Amino acid sequence: MGRGQSLPGAAPSWQPTATRQVLEGRARQLDWVRGFFAQRGVLEVETPVLGQCGITDVNIDCIAAAPQPVAGWTHSTGWLQTSPEYHMKRLLAAGSGSIYQVSHVFRNGERGRRHNPEFSLLEWYRPGWNDEQLMDEVAALVCGWLGAPEPERMSYRQLMRAHAGLDPMTADLPELRNACYSLTGDAALVDQLDRDSCLDLVMSFRVEPALGFDRPVFVTRYPASQAALARISEEDGCPVAHRFELYVQGIELCNGYWELTDADEQRQRFEADNARRRELGKPEMPVDERLLAALEAGLPECAGVALGLDRLLMLKCGVDDISEVLAFPAERS
């Protein structure tokens, strides 16, 4: 029986799953984060947790909310936000300058040792910076808090070649599906996977578990098909996304971009996401027209990153289940 669950017929578990010591660690973590950004002149902001739009990302499912009709709303359904990104980009377009936010965010169906449907996210944006500059700042915050050595930087392509024997930029779909079948033995599952789903599976099984044990590792230069809201350029004859993730002891801590600022390109990506959602039988998501209007008005050149504070606290406390750093995980909420 998992931590936080009750025996059938037993009284409901009302006690927290995090100890007083861990709760104190969380308070120190928030002090550390706010002190870090105060020293650097980055403004703390707050944006809505409940919004009119969710995200179109095929791999993330939003939690719907149905409040009473609100004057000015263009959709009948609201969405608990999976990230404050869209609202923060509207602030950036309005001239906010460098900003950060500590927020609770929500993702449907995510529960496991490292996942809870509601979790704490630190997100920040630096106008005038690129992804390389932002990685320096992420390293300063994370390694300063954990007392860890400076991270190394390796491209997605390097890591897939080293740990999986695949070139993710040139491998065809049959080759990728063969690699996935060798990992799962499930032909019916593998036959349904597209190229990016195959890459994600191989990354999860072969690469991620090996990352960040000697020192933290930034994974950089993702395939262009996994750009999400990052800009794309060409490297060694292949299009790559200016996106990075940081791994410590096999745990993914953050996801950062040198941000896309082109409204037309962003709309095309939203539409492509919804087309893929239709193929998978998932509901289409409303496109955030306010975000696109902000991009059209002029999002400054910037880099941004989202970092999971619960996972960072897990590393600091030396625990391997997210329930141990949450006062009340989903089962006790």
Protein backbone atom coordinates (compact mmCIF):
# COMPACT_ATOMS: atom_id res chain seq x y z
CA MET A 1 0.00 0.00 0.00
CA GLY A 2 1.41 3.39 -1.00
CA ARG A 3 2.30 6.13 1.42
CA GLY A 4 -0.73 8.27 2.25
CA GLN A 5 -3.33 5.56 1.51
CA SER A 6 -5.76 4.12 4.07
CA LEU A 7 -6.74 0.51 4.66
CA PRO A 8 -10.25 -0.35 3.39
CA GLY A 9 -12.80 0.39 6.10
CA ALA A 10 -10.32 2.29 8.22
CA ALA A 11 -10.87 5.83 9.46
CA PRO A 12 -9.71 8.45 6.94
CA SER A 13 -6.04 9.35 7.20
CA TRP A 14 -6.03 12.93 8.36
CA GLN A 15 -2.40 13.43 9.36
CA PRO A 16 0.18 15.07 7.07
CA THR A 17 2.67 12.91 5.20
CA ALA A 18 5.49 15.45 5.57
CA THR A 19 7.32 15.76 8.88
CA ARG A 20 7.75 19.03 10.75
CA GLN A 21 11.42 18.98 9.71
CA VAL A 22 10.48 18.77 6.03
CA LEU A 23 7.90 21.55 6.38
CA GLU A 24 10.63 23.73 7.89
CA GLY A 25 12.82 22.81 4.91
CA ARG A 26 10.09 23.98 2.54
CA ALA A 27 9.88 27.32 4.37
CA ARG A 28 13.67 27.72 4.11
CA GLN A 29 13.48 26.87 0.41
CA LEU A 30 10.96 29.64 -0.23
CA ASP A 31 13.13 32.08 1.74
CA TRP A 32 16.12 31.02 -0.37
CA VAL A 33 14.25 31.51 -3.65
CA ARG A 34 12.90 34.94 -2.71
CA GLY A 35 16.29 36.07 -1.42
CA PHE A 36 17.99 34.83 -4.58
CA PHE A 37 15.74 36.88 -6.85
CA ALA A 38 15.64 39.92 -4.57
CA GLN A 39 19.43 40.14 -4.83
CA ARG A 40 19.13 40.03 -8.62
CA GLY A 41 16.34 42.60 -8.92
CA VAL A 42 13.74 40.19 -10.28
CA LEU A 43 10.13 41.12 -9.49
CA GLU A 44 7.81 38.58 -7.85
CA VAL A 45 4.36 38.46 -9.50
CA GLU A 46 1.07 36.59 -9.12
CA THR A 47 -1.20 35.49 -11.95
CA PRO A 48 -4.50 33.53 -12.06
CA VAL A 49 -4.64 29.88 -11.02
CA LEU A 50 -8.01 29.57 -12.80
CA GLY A 51 -7.93 30.75 -16.40
CA GLN A 52 -10.16 30.81 -19.46
CA CYS A 53 -7.68 28.73 -21.45
CA GLY A 54 -5.49 25.75 -20.72
CA ILE A 55 -2.64 24.50 -22.89
CA THR A 56 -2.70 22.53 -26.13
CA ASP A 57 0.36 20.36 -25.31
CA VAL A 58 -0.54 16.79 -26.28
CA ASN A 59 1.40 15.29 -23.37
CA ILE A 60 -0.25 17.34 -20.61
CA ASP A 61 -3.91 17.16 -19.64
CA CYS A 62 -5.53 20.12 -17.91
CA ILE A 63 -8.07 19.90 -15.10
CA ALA A 64 -11.33 21.56 -16.13
CA ALA A 65 -13.34 23.79 -13.82
CA ALA A 66 -16.89 24.99 -14.44
CA PRO A 67 -17.52 28.15 -12.44
CA GLN A 68 -20.74 30.10 -12.64
CA PRO A 69 -20.81 32.32 -15.75
CA VAL A 70 -18.35 35.19 -15.43
CA ALA A 71 -18.90 38.47 -17.26
CA GLY A 72 -16.33 38.84 -20.01
CA TRP A 73 -15.44 35.16 -20.27
CA THR A 74 -15.32 33.82 -23.81
CA HIS A 75 -15.48 30.13 -22.80
CA SER A 76 -17.96 28.33 -20.55
CA THR A 77 -15.26 26.09 -19.06
CA GLY A 78 -12.31 27.34 -17.05
CA TRP A 79 -9.02 25.53 -16.55
CA LEU A 80 -6.73 25.14 -13.57
CA GLN A 81 -3.38 26.30 -14.89
CA THR A 82 -0.60 23.81 -15.62
CA SER A 83 1.89 26.68 -15.58
CA PRO A 84 1.71 30.47 -15.20
CA GLU A 85 3.58 30.83 -18.50
CA TYR A 86 0.89 32.40 -20.68
CA HIS A 87 -0.10 35.02 -18.12
CA MET A 88 3.53 35.83 -17.33
CA LYS A 89 4.29 36.35 -21.01
CA ARG A 90 1.45 38.85 -21.17
CA LEU A 91 3.12 40.73 -18.30
CA LEU A 92 6.43 40.64 -20.18
CA ALA A 93 4.76 42.05 -23.30
CA ALA A 94 3.32 44.84 -21.13
CA GLY A 95 6.83 45.83 -20.02
CA SER A 96 7.20 44.09 -16.65
CA GLY A 97 10.90 43.38 -17.03
CA SER A 98 12.42 40.32 -15.33
CA ILE A 99 9.79 38.46 -13.28
CA TYR A 100 9.36 35.28 -11.26
CA GLN A 101 6.47 33.46 -9.62
CA VAL A 102 5.99 30.70 -7.06
CA SER A 103 2.66 29.08 -7.83
CA HIS A 104 0.54 25.97 -7.36
CA VAL A 105 -0.20 24.31 -10.71
CA PHE A 106 -2.33 21.35 -11.73
CA ARG A 107 -2.05 18.45 -14.17
CA ASN A 108 -4.71 15.81 -14.64
CA GLY A 109 -3.92 12.14 -14.06
CA GLU A 110 -0.38 12.67 -12.81
CA ARG A 111 0.32 10.66 -9.66
CA GLY A 112 3.40 8.65 -8.73
CA ARG A 113 6.60 8.81 -6.73
CA ARG A 114 7.55 12.08 -8.43
CA HIS A 115 4.12 13.37 -9.45
CA ASN A 116 1.09 14.83 -7.70
CA PRO A 117 -1.86 16.43 -9.56
CA GLU A 118 -1.17 19.69 -7.66
CA PHE A 119 2.41 20.81 -7.17
CA SER A 120 4.59 23.86 -6.55
CA LEU A 121 6.31 25.49 -9.50
CA LEU A 122 8.90 28.25 -9.69
CA GLU A 123 8.84 30.02 -13.04
CA TRP A 124 10.89 33.00 -14.17
CA TYR A 125 11.71 35.03 -17.27
CA ARG A 126 14.72 37.12 -18.25
CA PRO A 127 14.24 39.68 -21.07
CA GLY A 128 17.33 40.03 -23.25
CA TRP A 129 18.71 36.62 -22.28
CA ASN A 130 19.09 33.40 -24.27
CA ASP A 131 18.96 29.80 -23.09
CA GLU A 132 22.70 29.61 -22.38
CA GLN A 133 22.57 32.62 -20.07
CA LEU A 134 19.52 31.30 -18.27
CA MET A 135 21.20 27.94 -17.66
CA ASP A 136 23.91 29.81 -15.76
CA GLU A 137 21.28 31.31 -13.46
CA VAL A 138 19.43 28.01 -13.00
CA ALA A 139 22.72 26.42 -11.99
CA ALA A 140 23.40 29.19 -9.48
CA LEU A 141 20.00 28.73 -7.84
CA VAL A 142 19.84 24.94 -7.82
CA CYS A 143 23.47 24.18 -7.04
CA GLY A 144 23.60 26.95 -4.46
CA TRP A 145 20.60 25.43 -2.65
CA LEU A 146 21.75 21.81 -2.93
CA GLY A 147 25.48 22.41 -2.54
CA ALA A 148 25.98 20.53 -5.82
CA PRO A 149 28.84 20.95 -8.33
CA GLU A 150 28.48 22.96 -11.53
CA PRO A 151 26.33 21.10 -14.09
CA GLU A 152 27.71 19.77 -17.32
CA ARG A 153 25.88 20.47 -20.58
CA MET A 154 25.16 17.74 -23.12
CA SER A 155 22.94 17.78 -26.16
CA TYR A 156 19.91 15.51 -26.51
CA ARG A 157 21.62 13.97 -29.52
CA GLN A 158 24.84 13.19 -27.62
CA LEU A 159 22.96 11.53 -24.78
CA MET A 160 20.69 9.41 -27.00
CA ARG A 161 23.70 8.20 -28.95
CA ALA A 162 25.65 7.39 -25.78
CA HIS A 163 22.90 5.68 -23.77
CA ALA A 164 20.53 4.27 -26.41
CA GLY A 165 22.71 3.87 -29.51
CA LEU A 166 20.28 5.98 -31.55
CA ASP A 167 20.64 9.20 -33.49
CA PRO A 168 17.37 10.99 -32.66
CA MET A 169 17.77 13.39 -35.54
CA THR A 170 18.15 10.81 -38.31
CA ALA A 171 16.59 7.54 -37.07
CA ASP A 172 13.43 6.61 -38.98
CA LEU A 173 10.17 5.55 -37.33
CA PRO A 174 10.68 1.77 -37.83
CA GLU A 175 14.09 1.99 -36.13
CA LEU A 176 12.61 3.95 -33.23
CA ARG A 177 9.70 1.53 -32.86
CA ASN A 178 12.12 -1.41 -32.80
CA ALA A 179 13.99 0.28 -29.97
CA CYS A 180 10.73 0.79 -28.09
CA TYR A 181 9.66 -2.81 -28.63
CA SER A 182 12.95 -4.03 -27.16
CA LEU A 183 12.13 -1.99 -24.04
CA THR A 184 8.45 -2.88 -23.64
CA GLY A 185 7.78 -6.09 -25.56
CA ASP A 186 4.34 -4.61 -26.31
CA ALA A 187 3.81 -4.58 -30.08
CA ALA A 188 0.27 -3.19 -29.86
CA LEU A 189 1.48 -0.24 -27.81
CA VAL A 190 4.52 0.43 -29.97
CA ASP A 191 2.53 0.39 -33.21
CA GLN A 192 0.51 3.37 -31.93
CA LEU A 193 3.56 5.50 -31.14
CA ASP A 194 4.59 8.39 -33.36
CA ARG A 195 8.16 9.59 -33.67
CA ASP A 196 8.18 11.87 -30.63
CA SER A 197 6.39 9.32 -28.46
CA CYS A 198 9.09 6.81 -29.36
CA LEU A 199 11.83 9.28 -28.50
CA ASP A 200 10.15 10.09 -25.18
CA LEU A 201 9.91 6.41 -24.28
CA VAL A 202 13.56 5.72 -25.10
CA MET A 203 14.61 8.86 -23.24
CA SER A 204 12.62 7.79 -20.17
CA PHE A 205 13.94 4.23 -20.07
CA ARG A 206 17.51 4.56 -21.34
CA VAL A 207 18.74 8.09 -20.75
CA GLU A 208 17.02 9.86 -17.84
CA PRO A 209 17.75 7.19 -15.18
CA ALA A 210 21.50 7.62 -15.81
CA LEU A 211 21.66 11.41 -15.62
CA GLY A 212 23.01 13.67 -12.91
CA PHE A 213 24.63 11.31 -10.41
CA ASP A 214 28.24 12.48 -10.61
CA ARG A 215 27.11 16.05 -11.18
CA PRO A 216 23.93 17.75 -12.45
CA VAL A 217 23.38 17.62 -16.21
CA PHE A 218 21.68 20.08 -18.54
CA VAL A 219 20.14 18.35 -21.55
CA THR A 220 20.15 20.83 -24.43
CA ARG A 221 19.24 21.14 -28.12
CA TYR A 222 16.10 19.01 -28.27
CA PRO A 223 14.63 17.89 -31.62
CA ALA A 224 12.69 20.69 -33.29
CA SER A 225 9.52 18.59 -33.09
CA GLN A 226 9.74 18.93 -29.29
CA ALA A 227 10.20 22.70 -29.30
CA ALA A 228 6.85 23.51 -27.61
CA LEU A 229 7.23 27.29 -27.04
CA ALA A 230 10.97 27.47 -27.80
CA ARG A 231 12.61 28.96 -30.87
CA ILE A 232 14.30 26.73 -33.44
CA SER A 233 17.64 27.02 -35.23
CA GLU A 234 19.86 24.71 -37.28
CA GLU A 235 22.84 22.83 -35.85
CA ASP A 236 24.99 20.30 -37.75
CA GLY A 237 22.43 20.33 -40.54
CA CYS A 238 19.49 19.51 -38.27
CA PRO A 239 16.81 21.80 -36.82
CA VAL A 240 17.03 21.91 -33.02
CA ALA A 241 14.98 23.58 -30.30
CA HIS A 242 16.57 26.06 -27.90
CA ARG A 243 15.19 24.11 -24.96
CA PHE A 244 16.90 22.63 -21.91
CA GLU A 245 16.14 20.41 -18.94
CA LEU A 246 18.19 19.93 -15.77
CA TYR A 247 18.64 16.49 -14.19
CA VAL A 248 19.97 15.73 -10.71
CA GLN A 249 20.22 12.10 -9.55
CA GLY A 250 17.94 10.97 -12.37
CA ILE A 251 15.25 13.52 -11.50
CA GLU A 252 14.11 16.13 -14.02
CA LEU A 253 13.98 19.47 -12.21
CA CYS A 254 13.21 22.07 -14.83
CA ASN A 255 12.30 22.85 -18.42
CA GLY A 256 13.54 26.06 -20.02
CA TYR A 257 13.33 27.84 -23.38
CA TRP A 258 14.81 30.63 -25.36
CA GLU A 259 11.29 31.78 -25.99
CA LEU A 260 9.48 31.91 -29.29
CA THR A 261 8.19 35.44 -29.91
CA ASP A 262 6.51 35.01 -33.31
CA ALA A 263 2.71 35.03 -32.96
CA ASP A 264 2.04 33.37 -36.34
CA GLU A 265 4.46 30.52 -35.64
CA GLN A 266 2.97 30.06 -32.18
CA ARG A 267 -0.55 29.83 -33.62
CA GLN A 268 0.63 27.18 -36.07
CA ARG A 269 2.09 25.15 -33.20
CA PHE A 270 -1.15 25.41 -31.22
CA GLU A 271 -3.11 24.23 -34.26
CA ALA A 272 -0.69 21.33 -34.82
CA ASP A 273 -1.11 20.31 -31.17
CA ASN A 274 -4.89 20.28 -31.53
CA ALA A 275 -4.66 18.27 -34.75
CA ARG A 276 -2.60 15.66 -32.92
CA ARG A 277 -5.10 15.72 -30.05
CA ARG A 278 -7.87 14.86 -32.51
CA GLU A 279 -5.81 11.95 -33.84
CA LEU A 280 -5.36 10.62 -30.30
CA GLY A 281 -9.00 11.05 -29.36
CA LYS A 282 -8.19 13.78 -26.86
CA PRO A 283 -10.31 16.93 -26.53
CA GLU A 284 -9.10 19.98 -28.40
CA MET A 285 -8.10 22.90 -26.20
CA PRO A 286 -9.14 26.51 -26.80
CA VAL A 287 -6.32 28.58 -28.23
CA ASP A 288 -5.27 31.42 -25.92
CA GLU A 289 -5.98 34.43 -28.12
CA ARG A 290 -4.85 36.84 -25.40
CA LEU A 291 -1.40 35.25 -25.40
CA LEU A 292 -1.23 35.47 -29.19
CA ALA A 293 -2.32 39.12 -29.06
CA ALA A 294 0.48 39.79 -26.55
CA LEU A 295 3.00 38.12 -28.86
CA GLU A 296 1.67 40.19 -31.75
CA ALA A 297 2.03 43.37 -29.70
CA GLY A 298 5.62 42.45 -28.95
CA LEU A 299 6.97 39.89 -26.50
CA PRO A 300 10.56 40.94 -25.80
CA GLU A 301 13.39 38.60 -26.65
CA CYS A 302 13.66 36.50 -23.49
CA ALA A 303 14.42 33.16 -21.91
CA GLY A 304 12.20 31.43 -19.36
CA VAL A 305 12.22 28.34 -17.18
CA ALA A 306 9.85 26.37 -14.94
CA LEU A 307 11.33 24.45 -12.00
CA GLY A 308 9.60 21.91 -9.74
CA LEU A 309 10.06 23.02 -6.14
CA ASP A 310 8.72 19.77 -4.66
CA ARG A 311 11.31 17.72 -6.53
CA LEU A 312 14.04 20.14 -5.54
CA LEU A 313 12.98 19.71 -1.91
CA MET A 314 13.01 15.92 -2.33
CA LEU A 315 16.67 16.13 -3.32
CA LYS A 316 17.50 18.45 -0.43
CA CYS A 317 15.78 16.17 2.10
CA GLY A 318 17.06 12.93 0.60
CA VAL A 319 13.62 11.36 0.08
CA ASP A 320 12.37 9.43 -2.95
CA ASP A 321 8.60 9.98 -2.80
CA ILE A 322 6.93 13.33 -3.39
CA SER A 323 4.39 12.52 -0.66
CA GLU A 324 7.19 12.97 1.87
CA VAL A 325 7.56 16.66 1.01
CA LEU A 326 3.84 17.46 0.72
CA ALA A 327 1.71 18.17 3.76
CA PHE A 328 -1.29 16.53 2.09
CA PRO A 329 -0.83 14.71 -1.25
CA ALA A 330 -3.79 13.89 -3.47
CA GLU A 331 -4.94 10.92 -1.37
CA ARG A 332 -5.26 13.08 1.76
CA SER A 333 -6.43 16.30 0.17
